[in-house]
N, C-alpha and C. Protein backbone atom coordinates (compact mmCIF):
# COMPACT_ATOMS: atom_id res chain seq x y z
N MET A 1 92.05 164.67 116.46
CA MET A 1 92.23 163.87 115.26
C MET A 1 92.50 162.43 115.66
N ARG A 2 91.81 161.50 115.03
CA ARG A 2 91.96 160.08 115.32
C ARG A 2 93.25 159.52 114.72
N SER A 3 93.80 158.53 115.39
CA SER A 3 94.99 157.85 114.87
C SER A 3 94.57 156.79 113.86
N ARG A 4 95.27 156.69 112.77
CA ARG A 4 94.96 155.68 111.75
C ARG A 4 95.74 154.39 111.97
N THR A 5 96.60 154.33 112.94
CA THR A 5 97.45 153.18 113.18
C THR A 5 96.65 151.89 113.38
N PRO A 6 95.61 151.85 114.25
CA PRO A 6 94.86 150.60 114.42
C PRO A 6 94.18 150.16 113.12
N ARG A 7 93.62 151.10 112.39
CA ARG A 7 92.93 150.75 111.15
C ARG A 7 93.92 150.21 110.12
N LEU A 8 95.11 150.81 110.02
CA LEU A 8 96.14 150.34 109.09
C LEU A 8 96.64 148.95 109.49
N ALA A 9 96.80 148.72 110.79
CA ALA A 9 97.26 147.42 111.26
C ALA A 9 96.25 146.33 110.91
N VAL A 10 94.97 146.61 111.10
CA VAL A 10 93.92 145.65 110.76
C VAL A 10 93.90 145.40 109.26
N SER A 11 94.01 146.44 108.47
CA SER A 11 94.02 146.30 107.01
C SER A 11 95.21 145.48 106.55
N ALA A 12 96.37 145.73 107.12
CA ALA A 12 97.57 144.97 106.76
C ALA A 12 97.42 143.50 107.14
N ALA A 13 96.87 143.23 108.32
CA ALA A 13 96.68 141.84 108.75
C ALA A 13 95.71 141.11 107.83
N LEU A 14 94.62 141.75 107.45
CA LEU A 14 93.65 141.13 106.53
C LEU A 14 94.27 140.89 105.17
N ALA A 15 95.05 141.80 104.67
CA ALA A 15 95.72 141.62 103.37
C ALA A 15 96.69 140.46 103.42
N LEU A 16 97.47 140.34 104.50
CA LEU A 16 98.41 139.24 104.66
C LEU A 16 97.67 137.90 104.72
N LEU A 17 96.56 137.85 105.44
CA LEU A 17 95.76 136.64 105.52
C LEU A 17 95.23 136.23 104.15
N ALA A 18 94.72 137.18 103.40
CA ALA A 18 94.19 136.89 102.06
C ALA A 18 95.29 136.36 101.14
N ILE A 19 96.47 136.94 101.21
CA ILE A 19 97.59 136.49 100.37
C ILE A 19 98.00 135.08 100.75
N SER A 20 98.10 134.79 102.05
CA SER A 20 98.53 133.46 102.46
C SER A 20 97.51 132.40 102.09
N LEU A 21 96.22 132.73 102.12
CA LEU A 21 95.20 131.75 101.76
C LEU A 21 95.20 131.43 100.28
N THR A 22 95.74 132.30 99.44
CA THR A 22 95.79 131.99 98.01
C THR A 22 96.84 130.94 97.72
N PHE A 23 97.73 130.65 98.67
CA PHE A 23 98.76 129.64 98.43
C PHE A 23 98.38 128.29 99.03
N ILE A 24 98.05 128.26 100.30
CA ILE A 24 97.82 126.97 100.94
C ILE A 24 96.61 127.08 101.85
N VAL A 25 95.65 126.15 101.68
CA VAL A 25 94.49 126.06 102.55
C VAL A 25 94.29 124.60 102.91
N PRO A 26 93.55 124.30 103.96
CA PRO A 26 93.32 122.91 104.32
C PRO A 26 92.72 122.12 103.16
N ALA A 27 93.17 120.88 103.03
CA ALA A 27 92.76 120.06 101.90
C ALA A 27 91.56 119.19 102.18
N GLY A 28 91.03 119.20 103.38
CA GLY A 28 89.91 118.33 103.71
C GLY A 28 88.71 118.52 102.82
N MET A 29 88.51 119.73 102.30
CA MET A 29 87.35 119.99 101.46
C MET A 29 87.45 119.38 100.08
N PHE A 30 88.58 118.77 99.76
CA PHE A 30 88.77 118.23 98.42
C PHE A 30 88.83 116.70 98.42
N ALA A 31 88.21 116.06 99.38
CA ALA A 31 88.20 114.61 99.42
C ALA A 31 87.48 114.07 98.20
N ALA A 32 87.99 112.97 97.67
CA ALA A 32 87.38 112.37 96.48
C ALA A 32 87.59 110.87 96.51
N THR A 33 86.71 110.16 95.85
CA THR A 33 86.85 108.73 95.73
C THR A 33 87.66 108.44 94.49
N VAL A 34 88.65 107.56 94.64
CA VAL A 34 89.53 107.24 93.53
C VAL A 34 88.96 106.05 92.77
N THR A 35 88.88 106.19 91.47
CA THR A 35 88.45 105.12 90.60
C THR A 35 89.57 104.88 89.60
N THR A 36 89.96 103.63 89.40
CA THR A 36 91.04 103.34 88.47
C THR A 36 90.61 103.62 87.05
N ALA A 37 91.46 104.29 86.33
CA ALA A 37 91.22 104.60 84.92
C ALA A 37 92.41 104.11 84.12
N THR A 38 92.43 104.40 82.86
CA THR A 38 93.52 103.96 82.00
C THR A 38 94.85 104.52 82.49
N MET A 39 95.93 103.80 82.26
CA MET A 39 97.25 104.19 82.72
C MET A 39 98.03 104.91 81.63
N THR A 40 97.37 105.41 80.62
CA THR A 40 98.06 106.12 79.55
C THR A 40 97.88 107.61 79.74
N ALA A 41 98.73 108.37 79.09
CA ALA A 41 98.63 109.82 79.17
C ALA A 41 97.37 110.29 78.46
N THR A 42 96.75 111.32 79.02
CA THR A 42 95.58 111.91 78.39
C THR A 42 95.84 113.39 78.22
N THR A 43 95.04 114.05 77.45
CA THR A 43 95.24 115.48 77.25
C THR A 43 93.98 116.25 77.59
N ALA A 44 94.18 117.40 78.20
CA ALA A 44 93.07 118.28 78.50
C ALA A 44 92.84 119.18 77.29
N THR A 45 91.61 119.24 76.83
CA THR A 45 91.33 120.01 75.62
C THR A 45 90.60 121.31 75.90
N ALA A 46 90.08 121.48 77.09
CA ALA A 46 89.33 122.69 77.40
C ALA A 46 90.28 123.88 77.54
N THR A 47 89.79 125.04 77.21
CA THR A 47 90.55 126.26 77.43
C THR A 47 89.71 127.21 78.27
N CYS A 48 90.39 127.97 79.12
CA CYS A 48 89.69 128.92 79.96
C CYS A 48 90.70 129.93 80.48
N ASP A 49 90.22 130.92 81.17
CA ASP A 49 91.11 131.93 81.72
C ASP A 49 90.86 132.03 83.22
N GLU A 50 91.57 131.24 83.98
CA GLU A 50 91.42 131.22 85.44
C GLU A 50 92.54 131.99 86.13
N GLY A 51 93.40 132.68 85.38
CA GLY A 51 94.51 133.41 85.99
C GLY A 51 95.73 132.53 86.16
N ARG A 52 96.73 133.06 86.83
CA ARG A 52 98.00 132.36 87.01
C ARG A 52 98.07 131.70 88.38
N TRP A 53 98.89 130.64 88.46
CA TRP A 53 99.17 130.02 89.75
C TRP A 53 100.11 130.96 90.51
N PRO A 54 100.11 130.91 91.84
CA PRO A 54 100.93 131.84 92.64
C PRO A 54 102.42 131.76 92.30
N ALA A 55 103.12 132.86 92.46
CA ALA A 55 104.56 132.92 92.19
C ALA A 55 105.32 131.92 93.06
N ARG A 56 104.84 131.65 94.27
CA ARG A 56 105.54 130.73 95.18
C ARG A 56 105.66 129.31 94.66
N VAL A 57 104.82 128.91 93.71
CA VAL A 57 104.89 127.53 93.21
C VAL A 57 105.64 127.45 91.88
N GLN A 58 106.08 128.59 91.35
CA GLN A 58 106.73 128.62 90.04
C GLN A 58 108.20 128.21 90.15
N GLY A 59 108.63 127.38 89.21
CA GLY A 59 110.04 127.01 89.10
C GLY A 59 110.43 125.80 89.92
N GLN A 60 111.34 125.02 89.35
CA GLN A 60 111.84 123.81 90.01
C GLN A 60 112.57 124.17 91.30
N PRO A 61 112.33 123.44 92.39
CA PRO A 61 113.05 123.74 93.64
C PRO A 61 114.57 123.69 93.43
N ALA A 62 115.26 124.68 93.94
CA ALA A 62 116.71 124.79 93.75
C ALA A 62 117.46 123.61 94.33
N THR A 63 116.92 122.96 95.34
CA THR A 63 117.61 121.84 96.00
C THR A 63 117.35 120.50 95.32
N PHE A 64 116.53 120.48 94.28
CA PHE A 64 116.17 119.22 93.64
C PHE A 64 117.29 118.70 92.74
N ALA A 65 117.66 117.44 92.94
CA ALA A 65 118.62 116.72 92.10
C ALA A 65 118.50 115.25 92.46
N ALA A 66 118.94 114.38 91.57
CA ALA A 66 118.92 112.95 91.87
C ALA A 66 119.73 112.71 93.14
N GLY A 67 119.16 111.93 94.06
CA GLY A 67 119.83 111.61 95.30
C GLY A 67 119.73 112.70 96.37
N ALA A 68 118.93 113.73 96.13
CA ALA A 68 118.74 114.78 97.14
C ALA A 68 117.94 114.22 98.32
N ARG A 69 117.64 115.06 99.29
CA ARG A 69 116.86 114.62 100.46
C ARG A 69 115.57 113.94 100.00
N ALA A 70 115.19 112.90 100.67
CA ALA A 70 114.01 112.12 100.31
C ALA A 70 112.75 112.95 100.47
N GLY A 71 111.89 112.90 99.45
CA GLY A 71 110.63 113.61 99.54
C GLY A 71 110.05 113.95 98.19
N ASP A 72 109.01 114.78 98.23
CA ASP A 72 108.31 115.24 97.03
C ASP A 72 108.79 116.63 96.66
N TYR A 73 109.09 116.82 95.39
CA TYR A 73 109.49 118.12 94.85
C TYR A 73 108.41 118.51 93.84
N ILE A 74 107.75 119.63 94.08
CA ILE A 74 106.57 120.02 93.29
C ILE A 74 106.77 121.44 92.77
N TRP A 75 106.44 121.65 91.49
CA TRP A 75 106.51 123.01 90.95
C TRP A 75 105.62 123.14 89.73
N HIS A 76 105.40 124.38 89.35
CA HIS A 76 104.63 124.70 88.16
C HIS A 76 105.50 125.54 87.24
N ASP A 77 105.31 125.37 85.94
CA ASP A 77 105.97 126.24 84.96
C ASP A 77 105.09 126.30 83.71
N ALA A 78 105.61 126.81 82.63
CA ALA A 78 104.82 126.97 81.40
C ALA A 78 104.31 125.65 80.85
N ASN A 79 104.92 124.54 81.26
CA ASN A 79 104.50 123.22 80.78
C ASN A 79 103.56 122.50 81.74
N GLY A 80 103.14 123.16 82.81
CA GLY A 80 102.22 122.55 83.76
C GLY A 80 102.86 122.28 85.11
N TRP A 81 102.27 121.34 85.84
CA TRP A 81 102.75 120.94 87.16
C TRP A 81 103.72 119.79 87.02
N HIS A 82 104.69 119.73 87.93
CA HIS A 82 105.68 118.66 87.93
C HIS A 82 105.81 118.13 89.35
N LEU A 83 105.83 116.83 89.47
CA LEU A 83 106.00 116.15 90.75
C LEU A 83 107.14 115.17 90.58
N ARG A 84 108.19 115.29 91.40
CA ARG A 84 109.35 114.41 91.30
C ARG A 84 109.66 113.83 92.67
N PHE A 85 110.26 112.63 92.63
CA PHE A 85 110.64 111.91 93.85
C PHE A 85 112.10 111.51 93.74
N THR A 86 112.81 111.54 94.84
CA THR A 86 114.18 111.05 94.91
C THR A 86 114.52 110.80 96.37
N HIS A 87 115.67 110.19 96.59
CA HIS A 87 116.21 110.02 97.94
C HIS A 87 117.69 109.64 97.82
N PRO A 88 118.47 109.86 98.89
CA PRO A 88 119.89 109.51 98.84
C PRO A 88 120.08 107.99 98.82
N GLY A 89 121.14 107.53 98.20
CA GLY A 89 121.47 106.11 98.18
C GLY A 89 120.73 105.37 97.07
N THR A 90 120.87 104.05 97.10
CA THR A 90 120.26 103.22 96.05
C THR A 90 119.28 102.20 96.61
N THR A 91 118.91 102.34 97.89
CA THR A 91 117.91 101.43 98.45
C THR A 91 116.53 101.78 97.88
N ARG A 92 115.61 100.89 98.05
CA ARG A 92 114.25 101.09 97.53
C ARG A 92 113.44 101.98 98.46
N ALA A 93 112.75 102.96 97.89
CA ALA A 93 111.83 103.82 98.64
C ALA A 93 110.54 103.93 97.83
N ILE A 94 109.41 103.78 98.50
CA ILE A 94 108.10 103.85 97.84
C ILE A 94 107.47 105.22 98.12
N PHE A 95 107.17 105.94 97.05
CA PHE A 95 106.47 107.22 97.14
C PHE A 95 105.08 107.02 96.54
N SER A 96 104.06 107.51 97.23
CA SER A 96 102.70 107.38 96.73
C SER A 96 101.90 108.61 97.15
N GLY A 97 100.70 108.71 96.61
CA GLY A 97 99.86 109.82 97.00
C GLY A 97 98.77 110.11 96.01
N THR A 98 98.17 111.29 96.17
CA THR A 98 97.09 111.71 95.29
C THR A 98 97.23 113.20 94.96
N ILE A 99 96.71 113.54 93.80
CA ILE A 99 96.54 114.92 93.40
C ILE A 99 95.08 115.04 92.98
N VAL A 100 94.37 116.00 93.58
CA VAL A 100 92.95 116.19 93.26
C VAL A 100 92.78 117.61 92.74
N SER A 101 92.12 117.72 91.60
CA SER A 101 91.89 119.00 90.94
C SER A 101 90.39 119.25 90.82
N ASN A 102 90.00 120.49 90.64
CA ASN A 102 88.59 120.77 90.40
C ASN A 102 88.28 120.85 88.90
N ALA A 103 89.23 120.43 88.07
CA ALA A 103 89.04 120.34 86.62
C ALA A 103 89.84 119.13 86.12
N PRO A 104 89.49 118.59 84.97
CA PRO A 104 90.19 117.40 84.47
C PRO A 104 91.70 117.60 84.31
N LEU A 105 92.43 116.52 84.57
CA LEU A 105 93.89 116.50 84.50
C LEU A 105 94.35 115.71 83.29
N ALA A 106 95.52 116.05 82.79
CA ALA A 106 96.23 115.25 81.79
C ALA A 106 97.57 114.90 82.42
N VAL A 107 97.96 113.62 82.35
CA VAL A 107 99.14 113.17 83.07
C VAL A 107 100.09 112.39 82.18
N LYS A 108 101.37 112.54 82.42
CA LYS A 108 102.41 111.80 81.70
C LYS A 108 103.47 111.41 82.71
N GLY A 109 103.90 110.16 82.66
CA GLY A 109 104.95 109.70 83.56
C GLY A 109 106.31 110.25 83.16
N TYR A 110 107.20 110.40 84.14
CA TYR A 110 108.55 110.90 83.91
C TYR A 110 109.54 109.87 84.43
N ARG A 111 110.34 109.31 83.53
CA ARG A 111 111.36 108.30 83.86
C ARG A 111 110.76 107.12 84.63
N LEU A 112 109.68 106.59 84.11
CA LEU A 112 109.02 105.45 84.76
C LEU A 112 109.91 104.22 84.72
N GLU A 113 109.83 103.43 85.78
CA GLU A 113 110.54 102.17 85.88
C GLU A 113 109.52 101.06 86.12
N SER A 114 109.96 99.85 86.03
CA SER A 114 109.09 98.72 86.31
C SER A 114 108.51 98.87 87.72
N GLY A 115 107.20 98.72 87.83
CA GLY A 115 106.55 98.84 89.12
C GLY A 115 105.99 100.23 89.42
N ASP A 116 106.38 101.24 88.65
CA ASP A 116 105.81 102.57 88.83
C ASP A 116 104.42 102.60 88.21
N SER A 117 103.47 103.24 88.87
CA SER A 117 102.13 103.29 88.31
C SER A 117 101.41 104.57 88.73
N PHE A 118 100.46 104.96 87.90
CA PHE A 118 99.57 106.07 88.21
C PHE A 118 98.26 105.83 87.49
N SER A 119 97.19 106.39 88.02
CA SER A 119 95.88 106.24 87.38
C SER A 119 95.04 107.48 87.63
N LEU A 120 94.16 107.75 86.70
CA LEU A 120 93.22 108.86 86.81
C LEU A 120 91.83 108.30 87.08
N SER A 121 91.06 109.02 87.87
CA SER A 121 89.67 108.64 88.11
C SER A 121 88.88 108.81 86.82
N ALA A 122 87.68 108.28 86.79
CA ALA A 122 86.83 108.35 85.59
C ALA A 122 86.58 109.79 85.15
N ASP A 123 86.46 110.71 86.11
CA ASP A 123 86.22 112.12 85.74
C ASP A 123 87.53 112.88 85.50
N ARG A 124 88.67 112.20 85.63
CA ARG A 124 90.02 112.73 85.38
C ARG A 124 90.39 113.88 86.33
N LYS A 125 89.76 113.90 87.51
CA LYS A 125 90.06 114.95 88.48
C LYS A 125 90.90 114.45 89.65
N THR A 126 91.05 113.15 89.80
CA THR A 126 91.85 112.57 90.87
C THR A 126 92.92 111.67 90.29
N LEU A 127 94.16 111.97 90.62
CA LEU A 127 95.32 111.21 90.17
C LEU A 127 95.89 110.48 91.37
N THR A 128 96.05 109.17 91.25
CA THR A 128 96.64 108.36 92.30
C THR A 128 97.94 107.78 91.74
N TYR A 129 99.00 107.78 92.55
CA TYR A 129 100.28 107.29 92.05
C TYR A 129 101.01 106.46 93.10
N ARG A 130 101.92 105.60 92.59
CA ARG A 130 102.81 104.81 93.44
C ARG A 130 104.09 104.58 92.65
N PHE A 131 105.22 105.04 93.18
CA PHE A 131 106.50 104.93 92.50
C PHE A 131 107.51 104.23 93.40
N THR A 132 108.30 103.35 92.81
CA THR A 132 109.41 102.72 93.50
C THR A 132 110.67 103.46 93.04
N ASN A 133 111.37 104.06 93.98
CA ASN A 133 112.53 104.88 93.65
C ASN A 133 113.79 104.26 94.23
N TYR A 134 114.87 104.27 93.46
CA TYR A 134 116.15 103.73 93.90
C TYR A 134 117.22 104.82 93.95
N GLY A 135 116.83 106.04 94.27
CA GLY A 135 117.77 107.13 94.43
C GLY A 135 117.93 108.01 93.21
N ARG A 136 117.33 107.63 92.13
CA ARG A 136 117.38 108.49 90.95
C ARG A 136 116.14 109.37 90.95
N ILE A 137 115.59 109.69 89.78
CA ILE A 137 114.43 110.56 89.71
C ILE A 137 113.27 109.84 89.05
N ASP A 138 112.11 109.88 89.68
CA ASP A 138 110.84 109.41 89.12
C ASP A 138 109.87 110.57 89.23
N GLY A 139 108.78 110.48 88.47
CA GLY A 139 107.80 111.53 88.66
C GLY A 139 106.69 111.59 87.64
N LEU A 140 105.95 112.68 87.72
CA LEU A 140 104.80 112.91 86.86
C LEU A 140 104.80 114.34 86.36
N ASP A 141 104.30 114.52 85.15
CA ASP A 141 104.02 115.84 84.60
C ASP A 141 102.51 115.92 84.45
N VAL A 142 101.92 116.97 84.99
CA VAL A 142 100.47 117.10 85.07
C VAL A 142 100.05 118.44 84.47
N ARG A 143 99.04 118.39 83.63
CA ARG A 143 98.47 119.61 83.05
C ARG A 143 96.98 119.67 83.33
N THR A 144 96.49 120.87 83.51
CA THR A 144 95.07 121.10 83.63
C THR A 144 94.79 122.48 83.06
N ALA A 145 93.84 122.55 82.17
CA ALA A 145 93.58 123.82 81.49
C ALA A 145 92.82 124.80 82.36
N CYS A 146 91.91 124.31 83.17
CA CYS A 146 90.98 125.23 83.82
C CYS A 146 90.91 125.12 85.34
N ALA A 147 91.75 124.35 85.95
CA ALA A 147 91.66 124.18 87.41
C ALA A 147 91.99 125.47 88.14
N SER A 148 91.29 125.70 89.23
CA SER A 148 91.63 126.81 90.11
C SER A 148 92.11 126.29 91.46
N ARG A 149 92.05 124.96 91.66
CA ARG A 149 92.51 124.33 92.90
C ARG A 149 93.22 123.03 92.58
N MET A 150 94.34 122.82 93.24
CA MET A 150 95.07 121.56 93.16
C MET A 150 95.40 121.13 94.58
N ALA A 151 94.98 119.93 94.96
CA ALA A 151 95.25 119.40 96.30
C ALA A 151 96.28 118.28 96.16
N PHE A 152 97.31 118.32 97.00
CA PHE A 152 98.40 117.35 96.95
C PHE A 152 98.49 116.62 98.28
N LYS A 153 98.68 115.31 98.20
CA LYS A 153 98.94 114.50 99.40
C LYS A 153 100.07 113.55 99.06
N GLY A 154 101.16 113.60 99.83
CA GLY A 154 102.32 112.76 99.56
C GLY A 154 102.62 111.82 100.71
N LEU A 155 102.99 110.59 100.34
CA LEU A 155 103.37 109.58 101.33
C LEU A 155 104.70 108.94 100.93
N MET A 156 105.43 108.46 101.91
CA MET A 156 106.64 107.69 101.68
C MET A 156 106.56 106.48 102.58
N ALA A 157 106.73 105.30 102.01
CA ALA A 157 106.61 104.04 102.76
C ALA A 157 105.24 103.93 103.43
N GLY A 158 104.22 104.49 102.79
CA GLY A 158 102.86 104.40 103.30
C GLY A 158 102.50 105.40 104.39
N LEU A 159 103.45 106.24 104.79
CA LEU A 159 103.21 107.24 105.85
C LEU A 159 103.21 108.64 105.25
N LYS A 160 102.34 109.51 105.79
CA LYS A 160 102.30 110.89 105.30
C LYS A 160 103.68 111.53 105.45
N LEU A 161 104.12 112.17 104.37
CA LEU A 161 105.39 112.89 104.43
C LEU A 161 105.28 114.06 105.39
N PRO A 162 106.29 114.28 106.24
CA PRO A 162 106.29 115.50 107.04
C PRO A 162 106.43 116.69 106.08
N VAL A 163 105.91 117.84 106.45
CA VAL A 163 105.95 119.00 105.54
C VAL A 163 107.38 119.40 105.19
N GLY A 164 108.34 119.10 106.05
CA GLY A 164 109.74 119.40 105.77
C GLY A 164 110.33 118.55 104.67
N ARG A 165 109.58 117.55 104.22
CA ARG A 165 110.01 116.66 103.13
C ARG A 165 109.23 116.94 101.84
N ILE A 166 108.54 118.07 101.80
CA ILE A 166 107.82 118.51 100.59
C ILE A 166 108.35 119.89 100.24
N TRP A 167 108.90 120.01 99.02
CA TRP A 167 109.45 121.28 98.55
C TRP A 167 108.59 121.77 97.40
N VAL A 168 108.15 123.03 97.47
CA VAL A 168 107.25 123.59 96.46
C VAL A 168 107.87 124.86 95.87
N GLY A 169 107.99 124.90 94.55
CA GLY A 169 108.50 126.08 93.87
C GLY A 169 109.99 126.29 94.02
N ARG A 170 110.51 127.25 93.26
CA ARG A 170 111.95 127.54 93.19
C ARG A 170 112.58 127.72 94.57
N ALA A 171 111.89 128.40 95.48
CA ALA A 171 112.44 128.65 96.81
C ALA A 171 112.34 127.43 97.72
N GLY A 172 111.69 126.37 97.28
CA GLY A 172 111.55 125.17 98.10
C GLY A 172 110.68 125.39 99.32
N ASN A 173 109.60 126.17 99.15
CA ASN A 173 108.67 126.40 100.26
C ASN A 173 108.09 125.09 100.75
N HIS A 174 107.88 124.99 102.06
CA HIS A 174 107.23 123.83 102.64
C HIS A 174 105.77 124.20 102.92
N PRO A 175 104.83 123.32 102.59
CA PRO A 175 103.42 123.64 102.89
C PRO A 175 103.19 123.65 104.40
N LEU A 176 102.07 124.20 104.81
CA LEU A 176 101.74 124.24 106.23
C LEU A 176 101.27 122.89 106.75
N GLN A 177 100.77 122.05 105.85
CA GLN A 177 100.30 120.72 106.23
C GLN A 177 100.34 119.80 105.02
N ASN A 178 100.21 118.52 105.26
CA ASN A 178 100.10 117.50 104.22
C ASN A 178 98.88 116.66 104.57
N PRO A 179 97.84 116.72 103.72
CA PRO A 179 97.74 117.30 102.39
C PRO A 179 97.61 118.82 102.42
N PHE A 180 97.88 119.44 101.25
CA PHE A 180 97.76 120.88 101.11
C PHE A 180 97.13 121.23 99.77
N VAL A 181 96.63 122.44 99.66
CA VAL A 181 95.93 122.90 98.47
C VAL A 181 96.60 124.16 97.95
N VAL A 182 96.74 124.25 96.64
CA VAL A 182 97.22 125.47 95.99
C VAL A 182 96.05 126.04 95.20
N LEU A 183 95.80 127.33 95.39
CA LEU A 183 94.72 128.03 94.69
C LEU A 183 95.28 129.05 93.71
N ARG A 184 94.54 129.29 92.63
CA ARG A 184 94.95 130.41 91.77
C ARG A 184 93.91 131.49 91.79
């Protein structure tokens, strides 16, 4: 009688690989040219059924609060995607980056201050942002009705954020790289 152990081990490894790829994959395939669009909030009107975003991205990171460790805090909930920035102290810190989707985005600023800006490309699939933060909370609320991919790239002071400075979902998961992609 043959042993099933090798076959089970291979099956388990393939299942684990498939699960991990549904959360984070390399973002190079989502490069896009940014075109400046209106700086007002827009709304996505399309409806579709693309399934749910992974459980790992659900809920505000538990460590997020004004003046917390400097970086990007990203999560999804019933109201869409949320991106927030903060850092300790009251000195100026510049957070910038892009979010690229495979479906149109609707964006609204959160606690915008003078000098904070964001823009959508003409096709509304690429969001570019730049925020000046003084230790409080700045950010964006993003909705997309039909996207199955969201690519995030975060910078602070013009440099790519280390992955340890990006918190995703309630557990504060760190992506494997910056930029990173979330799939549903």
